[in-house]
Protein backbone atom coordinates (compact mmCIF):
# COMPACT_ATOMS: atom_id res chain seq x y z
CA MET A 1 0.05 0.11 -0.02
CA LYS A 2 1.10 3.62 -0.69
CA THR A 3 0.11 6.42 1.53
CA VAL A 4 -0.50 9.69 -0.43
CA LYS A 5 0.12 12.83 1.69
CA ASP A 6 -2.05 15.22 -0.54
CA LEU A 7 -4.24 14.51 -3.58
CA THR A 8 -5.97 17.18 -5.53
CA VAL A 9 -8.45 16.16 -8.37
CA GLU A 10 -10.84 18.04 -10.62
CA VAL A 11 -14.06 16.08 -11.04
CA LYS A 12 -16.49 17.01 -14.02
CA TYR A 13 -19.73 15.42 -14.53
CA ARG A 14 -22.79 15.98 -16.81
CA VAL A 15 -26.41 16.20 -15.62
CA GLY A 16 -29.40 16.34 -17.95
CA LEU A 17 -32.59 17.92 -16.59
CA GLY A 18 -35.93 18.03 -18.09
CA ASP A 19 -39.19 19.74 -17.60
CA VAL A 20 -37.86 22.06 -14.88
CA GLU A 21 -39.24 25.41 -13.69
CA MET A 22 -37.17 28.49 -12.93
CA SER A 23 -37.66 32.21 -12.57
CA GLN A 24 -37.17 34.54 -15.55
CA LYS A 25 -34.17 36.02 -13.77
CA VAL A 26 -32.58 32.56 -13.49
CA TYR A 27 -33.23 31.82 -17.20
CA ASP A 28 -31.91 35.16 -18.30
CA GLN A 29 -28.62 34.59 -16.29
CA LEU A 30 -28.23 31.14 -17.78
CA ILE A 31 -28.60 32.41 -21.21
CA LYS A 32 -26.18 35.44 -20.55
CA ALA A 33 -23.63 33.02 -19.17
CA THR A 34 -23.99 30.62 -22.08
CA ASP A 35 -23.79 33.56 -24.63
CA ASN A 36 -20.69 34.88 -22.88
CA GLY A 37 -19.00 31.65 -22.43
CA ASP A 38 -18.79 32.07 -18.74
CA VAL A 39 -18.74 29.36 -16.00
CA ILE A 40 -21.27 29.70 -13.21
CA ASP A 41 -19.44 29.38 -9.85
CA PRO A 42 -21.95 28.31 -7.16
CA ASN A 43 -19.20 29.15 -4.55
CA GLY A 44 -18.54 32.58 -5.73
CA MET A 45 -22.05 33.60 -6.71
CA LEU A 46 -20.97 36.99 -7.81
CA LYS A 47 -21.76 37.28 -11.51
CA TYR A 48 -24.89 35.11 -11.68
CA PRO A 49 -26.12 34.75 -8.09
CA GLU A 50 -29.66 33.60 -8.87
CA ALA A 51 -28.52 31.08 -11.56
CA ALA A 52 -25.78 29.79 -9.26
CA GLU A 53 -28.20 29.28 -6.39
CA TRP A 54 -30.86 27.66 -8.59
CA LEU A 55 -28.18 25.15 -10.16
CA SER A 56 -26.87 24.48 -6.59
CA ASP A 57 -30.36 23.72 -5.33
CA ASN A 58 -31.34 21.54 -8.36
CA ILE A 59 -28.30 19.57 -9.31
CA ARG A 60 -26.86 16.71 -7.27
CA GLU A 61 -23.85 14.57 -8.18
CA ARG A 62 -25.99 11.38 -7.99
CA ASP A 63 -27.87 12.74 -11.05
CA CYS A 64 -24.93 12.51 -13.26
CA MET A 65 -24.89 10.68 -16.49
CA ASP A 66 -21.06 10.41 -16.93
CA TRP A 67 -18.03 11.83 -15.27
CA GLU A 68 -14.35 12.24 -15.53
CA CYS A 69 -11.62 12.94 -13.10
CA GLY A 70 -8.26 14.56 -13.57
CA VAL A 71 -5.36 14.61 -11.05
CA GLU A 72 -4.02 18.02 -10.44
CA ASP A 73 -1.59 17.27 -7.73
CA ILE A 74 -0.41 14.09 -5.97
CA SER A 75 2.41 13.90 -3.50
């Protein structure tokens, strides 16, 4: 066995939602983020706060269809 002192990974997963309701403000922010190529950060919540909150409330990792993981640091 090998003991790793520190491991940092980036995990990306895809979730598909259907027939969901959201406010006009959330919708507008999602469209704006898409049009601008922006990433919505649920931790920062500065640029698209309503969209970030809605996504955080409505997406769970258990809903993922596929995922990938990249190692950023290992020591």
